[in-house]
Amino acid sequence: MAISIRQHEIGIANGQVRVPGSVVRNAFPGSARDYIVEIKDGGRLRITAQPASDFASGTPVCSRCRALLS
């Protein structure tokens, strides 16, 4: 099954584990941080986060998301 999750509905934190992964890329194009996080199965998530968050490449993080399945 394929699902689609809007990237601004994915959060990033280094606290409670929900979907563990590690930061592959951290960019700051202006109004928000743009991350690529690789999760355990090798998949990658693109995450848009507040500018105050600043996780370096290689940092273990967890992602949480809200998705609607139909």
PDB file of N, CA and C in Angstrom:
ATOM      1  N   MET A   1       0.832  -1.153   0.000  1.00  0.00           N
ATOM      2  CA  MET A   1       0.000   0.000   0.000  1.00  0.00           C
ATOM      3  C   MET A   1       0.887   1.230   0.000  1.00  0.00           C
ATOM      4  N   ALA A   2       0.547   2.205  -0.782  1.00  0.00           N
ATOM      5  CA  ALA A   2       1.252   3.484  -0.790  1.00  0.00           C
ATOM      6  C   ALA A   2       0.401   4.516  -0.071  1.00  0.00           C
ATOM      7  N   ILE A   3       1.067   5.358   0.711  1.00  0.00           N
ATOM      8  CA  ILE A   3       0.363   6.453   1.367  1.00  0.00           C
ATOM      9  C   ILE A   3       1.080   7.751   1.044  1.00  0.00           C
ATOM     10  N   SER A   4       0.363   8.822   1.190  1.00  0.00           N
ATOM     11  CA  SER A   4       0.946  10.141   0.973  1.00  0.00           C
ATOM     12  C   SER A   4       0.773  10.942   2.248  1.00  0.00           C
ATOM     13  N   ILE A   5       1.855  11.578   2.687  1.00  0.00           N
ATOM     14  CA  ILE A   5       1.819  12.410   3.894  1.00  0.00           C
ATOM     15  C   ILE A   5       2.358  13.775   3.505  1.00  0.00           C
ATOM     16  N   ARG A   6       1.624  14.808   3.821  1.00  0.00           N
ATOM     17  CA  ARG A   6       2.088  16.157   3.519  1.00  0.00           C
ATOM     18  C   ARG A   6       3.307  16.449   4.384  1.00  0.00           C
ATOM     19  N   GLN A   7       4.377  16.966   3.784  1.00  0.00           N
ATOM     20  CA  GLN A   7       5.640  17.128   4.516  1.00  0.00           C
ATOM     21  C   GLN A   7       5.525  18.069   5.697  1.00  0.00           C
ATOM     22  N   HIS A   8       4.611  19.025   5.669  1.00  0.00           N
ATOM     23  CA  HIS A   8       4.472  19.912   6.821  1.00  0.00           C
ATOM     24  C   HIS A   8       3.662  19.268   7.952  1.00  0.00           C
ATOM     25  N   GLU A   9       3.135  18.044   7.727  1.00  0.00           N
ATOM     26  CA  GLU A   9       2.435  17.302   8.776  1.00  0.00           C
ATOM     27  C   GLU A   9       3.370  16.322   9.478  1.00  0.00           C
ATOM     28  N   ILE A  10       4.659  16.328   9.129  1.00  0.00           N
ATOM     29  CA  ILE A  10       5.648  15.461   9.767  1.00  0.00           C
ATOM     30  C   ILE A  10       6.477  16.319  10.703  1.00  0.00           C
ATOM     31  N   GLY A  11       6.660  15.855  11.923  1.00  0.00           N
ATOM     32  CA  GLY A  11       7.468  16.595  12.880  1.00  0.00           C
ATOM     33  C   GLY A  11       8.796  15.905  13.091  1.00  0.00           C
ATOM     34  N   ILE A  12       9.726  16.605  13.696  1.00  0.00           N
ATOM     35  CA  ILE A  12      11.044  16.035  13.980  1.00  0.00           C
ATOM     36  C   ILE A  12      11.423  16.398  15.408  1.00  0.00           C
ATOM     37  N   ALA A  13      11.986  15.431  16.112  1.00  0.00           N
ATOM     38  CA  ALA A  13      12.372  15.651  17.512  1.00  0.00           C
ATOM     39  C   ALA A  13      13.424  14.625  17.888  1.00  0.00           C
ATOM     40  N   ASN A  14      14.091  14.854  19.014  1.00  0.00           N
ATOM     41  CA  ASN A  14      15.039  13.849  19.494  1.00  0.00           C
ATOM     42  C   ASN A  14      14.558  13.273  20.818  1.00  0.00           C
ATOM     43  N   GLY A  15      13.265  13.270  21.023  1.00  0.00           N
ATOM     44  CA  GLY A  15      12.656  12.748  22.246  1.00  0.00           C
ATOM     45  C   GLY A  15      12.039  11.380  22.026  1.00  0.00           C
ATOM     46  N   GLN A  16      10.747  11.270  22.339  1.00  0.00           N
ATOM     47  CA  GLN A  16      10.024  10.006  22.268  1.00  0.00           C
ATOM     48  C   GLN A  16      10.126   9.381  20.871  1.00  0.00           C
ATOM     49  N   VAL A  17      10.439   8.102  20.835  1.00  0.00           N
ATOM     50  CA  VAL A  17      10.619   7.412  19.556  1.00  0.00           C
ATOM     51  C   VAL A  17       9.271   7.016  18.982  1.00  0.00           C
ATOM     52  N   ARG A  18       9.037   7.427  17.755  1.00  0.00           N
ATOM     53  CA  ARG A  18       7.842   7.005  17.027  1.00  0.00           C
ATOM     54  C   ARG A  18       8.252   6.348  15.713  1.00  0.00           C
ATOM     55  N   VAL A  19       9.008   7.042  14.906  1.00  0.00           N
ATOM     56  CA  VAL A  19       9.600   6.471  13.689  1.00  0.00           C
ATOM     57  C   VAL A  19      11.071   6.853  13.733  1.00  0.00           C
ATOM     58  N   PRO A  20      11.934   5.955  14.224  1.00  0.00           N
ATOM     59  CA  PRO A  20      13.348   6.312  14.350  1.00  0.00           C
ATOM     60  C   PRO A  20      14.040   6.421  12.993  1.00  0.00           C
ATOM     61  N   GLY A  21      14.995   7.309  12.948  1.00  0.00           N
ATOM     62  CA  GLY A  21      15.782   7.499  11.743  1.00  0.00           C
ATOM     63  C   GLY A  21      16.960   8.398  12.044  1.00  0.00           C
ATOM     64  N   SER A  22      17.655   8.818  11.003  1.00  0.00           N
ATOM     65  CA  SER A  22      18.765   9.748  11.200  1.00  0.00           C
ATOM     66  C   SER A  22      18.750  10.785  10.085  1.00  0.00           C
ATOM     67  N   VAL A  23      19.211  11.975  10.422  1.00  0.00           N
ATOM     68  CA  VAL A  23      19.214  13.091   9.483  1.00  0.00           C
ATOM     69  C   VAL A  23      20.255  12.829   8.397  1.00  0.00           C
ATOM     70  N   VAL A  24      19.832  12.920   7.152  1.00  0.00           N
ATOM     71  CA  VAL A  24      20.726  12.772   6.010  1.00  0.00           C
ATOM     72  C   VAL A  24      21.113  14.150   5.486  1.00  0.00           C
ATOM     73  N   ARG A  25      20.158  15.082   5.526  1.00  0.00           N
ATOM     74  CA  ARG A  25      20.410  16.428   5.021  1.00  0.00           C
ATOM     75  C   ARG A  25      19.631  17.438   5.844  1.00  0.00           C
ATOM     76  N   ASN A  26      20.235  18.588   6.100  1.00  0.00           N
ATOM     77  CA  ASN A  26      19.607  19.696   6.806  1.00  0.00           C
ATOM     78  C   ASN A  26      19.907  20.952   5.996  1.00  0.00           C
ATOM     79  N   ALA A  27      18.865  21.576   5.485  1.00  0.00           N
ATOM     80  CA  ALA A  27      19.041  22.809   4.714  1.00  0.00           C
ATOM     81  C   ALA A  27      18.153  23.893   5.310  1.00  0.00           C
ATOM     82  N   PHE A  28      18.575  25.132   5.172  1.00  0.00           N
ATOM     83  CA  PHE A  28      17.790  26.265   5.652  1.00  0.00           C
ATOM     84  C   PHE A  28      17.579  27.231   4.500  1.00  0.00           C
ATOM     85  N   PRO A  29      16.518  26.988   3.683  1.00  0.00           N
ATOM     86  CA  PRO A  29      16.291  27.837   2.523  1.00  0.00           C
ATOM     87  C   PRO A  29      15.642  29.188   2.826  1.00  0.00           C
ATOM     88  N   GLY A  30      15.315  29.446   4.090  1.00  0.00           N
ATOM     89  CA  GLY A  30      14.738  30.758   4.399  1.00  0.00           C
ATOM     90  C   GLY A  30      13.799  30.736   5.582  1.00  0.00           C
ATOM     91  N   SER A  31      12.535  30.414   5.372  1.00  0.00           N
ATOM     92  CA  SER A  31      11.537  30.519   6.432  1.00  0.00           C
ATOM     93  C   SER A  31      11.381  29.250   7.265  1.00  0.00           C
ATOM     94  N   ALA A  32      11.975  28.150   6.869  1.00  0.00           N
ATOM     95  CA  ALA A  32      11.863  26.887   7.594  1.00  0.00           C
ATOM     96  C   ALA A  32      13.078  26.018   7.307  1.00  0.00           C
ATOM     97  N   ARG A  33      13.318  25.044   8.149  1.00  0.00           N
ATOM     98  CA  ARG A  33      14.384  24.065   7.892  1.00  0.00           C
ATOM     99  C   ARG A  33      13.808  22.938   7.046  1.00  0.00           C
ATOM    100  N   ASP A  34      14.619  22.410   6.164  1.00  0.00           N
ATOM    101  CA  ASP A  34      14.217  21.330   5.271  1.00  0.00           C
ATOM    102  C   ASP A  34      15.140  20.148   5.544  1.00  0.00           C
ATOM    103  N   TYR A  35      14.579  19.044   6.017  1.00  0.00           N
ATOM    104  CA  TYR A  35      15.359  17.858   6.370  1.00  0.00           C
ATOM    105  C   TYR A  35      15.031  16.691   5.458  1.00  0.00           C
ATOM    106  N   ILE A  36      15.997  15.831   5.248  1.00  0.00           N
ATOM    107  CA  ILE A  36      15.779  14.494   4.725  1.00  0.00           C
ATOM    108  C   ILE A  36      16.205  13.557   5.848  1.00  0.00           C
ATOM    109  N   VAL A  37      15.286  12.677   6.280  1.00  0.00           N
ATOM    110  CA  VAL A  37      15.552  11.721   7.354  1.00  0.00           C
ATOM    111  C   VAL A  37      15.411  10.324   6.791  1.00  0.00           C
ATOM    112  N   GLU A  38      16.440   9.502   6.992  1.00  0.00           N
ATOM    113  CA  GLU A  38      16.385   8.111   6.554  1.00  0.00           C
ATOM    114  C   GLU A  38      15.882   7.271   7.709  1.00  0.00           C
ATOM    115  N   ILE A  39      14.808   6.484   7.461  1.00  0.00           N
ATOM    116  CA  ILE A  39      14.245   5.644   8.511  1.00  0.00           C
ATOM    117  C   ILE A  39      14.792   4.230   8.406  1.00  0.00           C
ATOM    118  N   LYS A  40      14.452   3.411   9.385  1.00  0.00           N
ATOM    119  CA  LYS A  40      15.047   2.084   9.561  1.00  0.00           C
ATOM    120  C   LYS A  40      15.008   1.205   8.301  1.00  0.00           C
ATOM    121  N   ASP A  41      13.909   1.235   7.543  1.00  0.00           N
ATOM    122  CA  ASP A  41      13.799   0.361   6.373  1.00  0.00           C
ATOM    123  C   ASP A  41      14.490   0.917   5.135  1.00  0.00           C
ATOM    124  N   GLY A  42      15.189   2.046   5.282  1.00  0.00           N
ATOM    125  CA  GLY A  42      15.895   2.649   4.158  1.00  0.00           C
ATOM    126  C   GLY A  42      15.092   3.714   3.441  1.00  0.00           C
ATOM    127  N   GLY A  43      13.821   3.845   3.798  1.00  0.00           N
ATOM    128  CA  GLY A  43      12.990   4.885   3.206  1.00  0.00           C
ATOM    129  C   GLY A  43      13.443   6.257   3.693  1.00  0.00           C
ATOM    130  N   ARG A  44      13.042   7.273   2.982  1.00  0.00           N
ATOM    131  CA  ARG A  44      13.421   8.639   3.365  1.00  0.00           C
ATOM    132  C   ARG A  44      12.186   9.507   3.471  1.00  0.00           C
ATOM    133  N   LEU A  45      12.200  10.379   4.465  1.00  0.00           N
ATOM    134  CA  LEU A  45      11.130  11.348   4.677  1.00  0.00           C
ATOM    135  C   LEU A  45      11.677  12.744   4.463  1.00  0.00           C
ATOM    136  N   ARG A  46      10.926  13.580   3.783  1.00  0.00           N
ATOM    137  CA  ARG A  46      11.284  14.989   3.688  1.00  0.00           C
ATOM    138  C   ARG A  46      10.436  15.711   4.721  1.00  0.00           C
ATOM    139  N   ILE A  47      11.091  16.464   5.587  1.00  0.00           N
ATOM    140  CA  ILE A  47      10.427  17.118   6.704  1.00  0.00           C
ATOM    141  C   ILE A  47      10.720  18.606   6.671  1.00  0.00           C
ATOM    142  N   THR A  48       9.683  19.401   6.797  1.00  0.00           N
ATOM    143  CA  THR A  48       9.819  20.844   6.935  1.00  0.00           C
ATOM    144  C   THR A  48       9.579  21.181   8.392  1.00  0.00           C
ATOM    145  N   ALA A  49      10.506  21.897   9.028  1.00  0.00           N
ATOM    146  CA  ALA A  49      10.419  22.187  10.463  1.00  0.00           C
ATOM    147  C   ALA A  49      10.686  23.661  10.729  1.00  0.00           C
ATOM    148  N   GLN A  50      10.366  24.084  11.935  1.00  0.00           N
ATOM    149  CA  GLN A  50      10.618  25.454  12.364  1.00  0.00           C
ATOM    150  C   GLN A  50      12.111  25.763  12.282  1.00  0.00           C
ATOM    151  N   PRO A  51      12.473  27.012  11.996  1.00  0.00           N
ATOM    152  CA  PRO A  51      13.885  27.377  11.879  1.00  0.00           C
ATOM    153  C   PRO A  51      14.688  27.135  13.158  1.00  0.00           C
ATOM    154  N   ALA A  52      14.032  27.162  14.315  1.00  0.00           N
ATOM    155  CA  ALA A  52      14.747  26.974  15.583  1.00  0.00           C
ATOM    156  C   ALA A  52      15.301  25.562  15.746  1.00  0.00           C
ATOM    157  N   SER A  53      14.694  24.583  15.078  1.00  0.00           N
ATOM    158  CA  SER A  53      15.235  23.219  15.155  1.00  0.00           C
ATOM    159  C   SER A  53      16.481  23.166  14.284  1.00  0.00           C
ATOM    160  N   ASP A  54      17.513  22.513  14.772  1.00  0.00           N
ATOM    161  CA  ASP A  54      18.765  22.457  14.010  1.00  0.00           C
ATOM    162  C   ASP A  54      19.473  21.159  14.332  1.00  0.00           C
ATOM    163  N   PHE A  55      19.131  20.088  13.610  1.00  0.00           N
ATOM    164  CA  PHE A  55      19.740  18.777  13.796  1.00  0.00           C
ATOM    165  C   PHE A  55      20.762  18.543  12.685  1.00  0.00           C
ATOM    166  N   ALA A  56      21.991  18.264  13.067  1.00  0.00           N
ATOM    167  CA  ALA A  56      23.061  18.041  12.089  1.00  0.00           C
ATOM    168  C   ALA A  56      22.894  16.692  11.391  1.00  0.00           C
ATOM    169  N   SER A  57      23.504  16.555  10.225  1.00  0.00           N
ATOM    170  CA  SER A  57      23.510  15.269   9.523  1.00  0.00           C
ATOM    171  C   SER A  57      24.092  14.196  10.430  1.00  0.00           C
ATOM    172  N   GLY A  58      23.474  13.019  10.427  1.00  0.00           N
ATOM    173  CA  GLY A  58      23.913  11.907  11.258  1.00  0.00           C
ATOM    174  C   GLY A  58      23.245  11.853  12.618  1.00  0.00           C
ATOM    175  N   THR A  59      22.524  12.907  13.014  1.00  0.00           N
ATOM    176  CA  THR A  59      21.860  12.931  14.308  1.00  0.00           C
ATOM    177  C   THR A  59      20.695  11.944  14.315  1.00  0.00           C
ATOM    178  N   PRO A  60      20.639  11.042  15.318  1.00  0.00           N
ATOM    179  CA  PRO A  60      19.468  10.169  15.424  1.00  0.00           C
ATOM    180  C   PRO A  60      18.277  10.995  15.889  1.00  0.00           C
ATOM    181  N   VAL A  61      17.156  10.845  15.207  1.00  0.00           N
ATOM    182  CA  VAL A  61      15.941  11.584  15.530  1.00  0.00           C
ATOM    183  C   VAL A  61      14.751  10.642  15.426  1.00  0.00           C
ATOM    184  N   CYS A  62      13.603  11.128  15.832  1.00  0.00           N
ATOM    185  CA  CYS A  62      12.372  10.381  15.589  1.00  0.00           C
ATOM    186  C   CYS A  62      11.406  11.306  14.876  1.00  0.00           C
ATOM    187  N   SER A  63      10.584  10.732  14.033  1.00  0.00           N
ATOM    188  CA  SER A  63       9.602  11.506  13.289  1.00  0.00           C
ATOM    189  C   SER A  63       8.220  11.067  13.729  1.00  0.00           C
ATOM    190  N   ARG A  64       7.333  11.999  13.759  1.00  0.00           N
ATOM    191  CA  ARG A  64       5.945  11.679  14.044  1.00  0.00           C
ATOM    192  C   ARG A  64       5.111  12.292  12.941  1.00  0.00           C
ATOM    193  N   CYS A  65       4.038  11.660  12.586  1.00  0.00           N
ATOM    194  CA  CYS A  65       3.234  12.205  11.494  1.00  0.00           C
ATOM    195  C   CYS A  65       1.765  11.945  11.729  1.00  0.00           C
ATOM    196  N   ARG A  66       0.973  12.707  11.022  1.00  0.00           N
ATOM    197  CA  ARG A  66      -0.468  12.561  11.035  1.00  0.00           C
ATOM    198  C   ARG A  66      -0.859  12.298   9.589  1.00  0.00           C
ATOM    199  N   ALA A  67      -1.473  11.177   9.330  1.00  0.00           N
ATOM    200  CA  ALA A  67      -1.840  10.837   7.953  1.00  0.00           C
ATOM    201  C   ALA A  67      -3.279  10.345   7.920  1.00  0.00           C
ATOM    202  N   LEU A  68      -3.949  10.607   6.841  1.00  0.00           N
ATOM    203  CA  LEU A  68      -5.301  10.128   6.628  1.00  0.00           C
ATOM    204  C   LEU A  68      -5.253   9.057   5.549  1.00  0.00           C
ATOM    205  N   LEU A  69      -5.794   7.906   5.841  1.00  0.00           N
ATOM    206  CA  LEU A  69      -5.839   6.822   4.862  1.00  0.00           C
ATOM    207  C   LEU A  69      -7.288   6.640   4.419  1.00  0.00           C
ATOM    208  N   SER A  70      -7.471   6.393   3.158  1.00  0.00           N
ATOM    209  CA  SER A  70      -8.836   6.152   2.698  1.00  0.00           C
ATOM    210  C   SER A  70      -8.927   4.807   2.020  1.00  0.00           C
TER     211      SER A  70
END
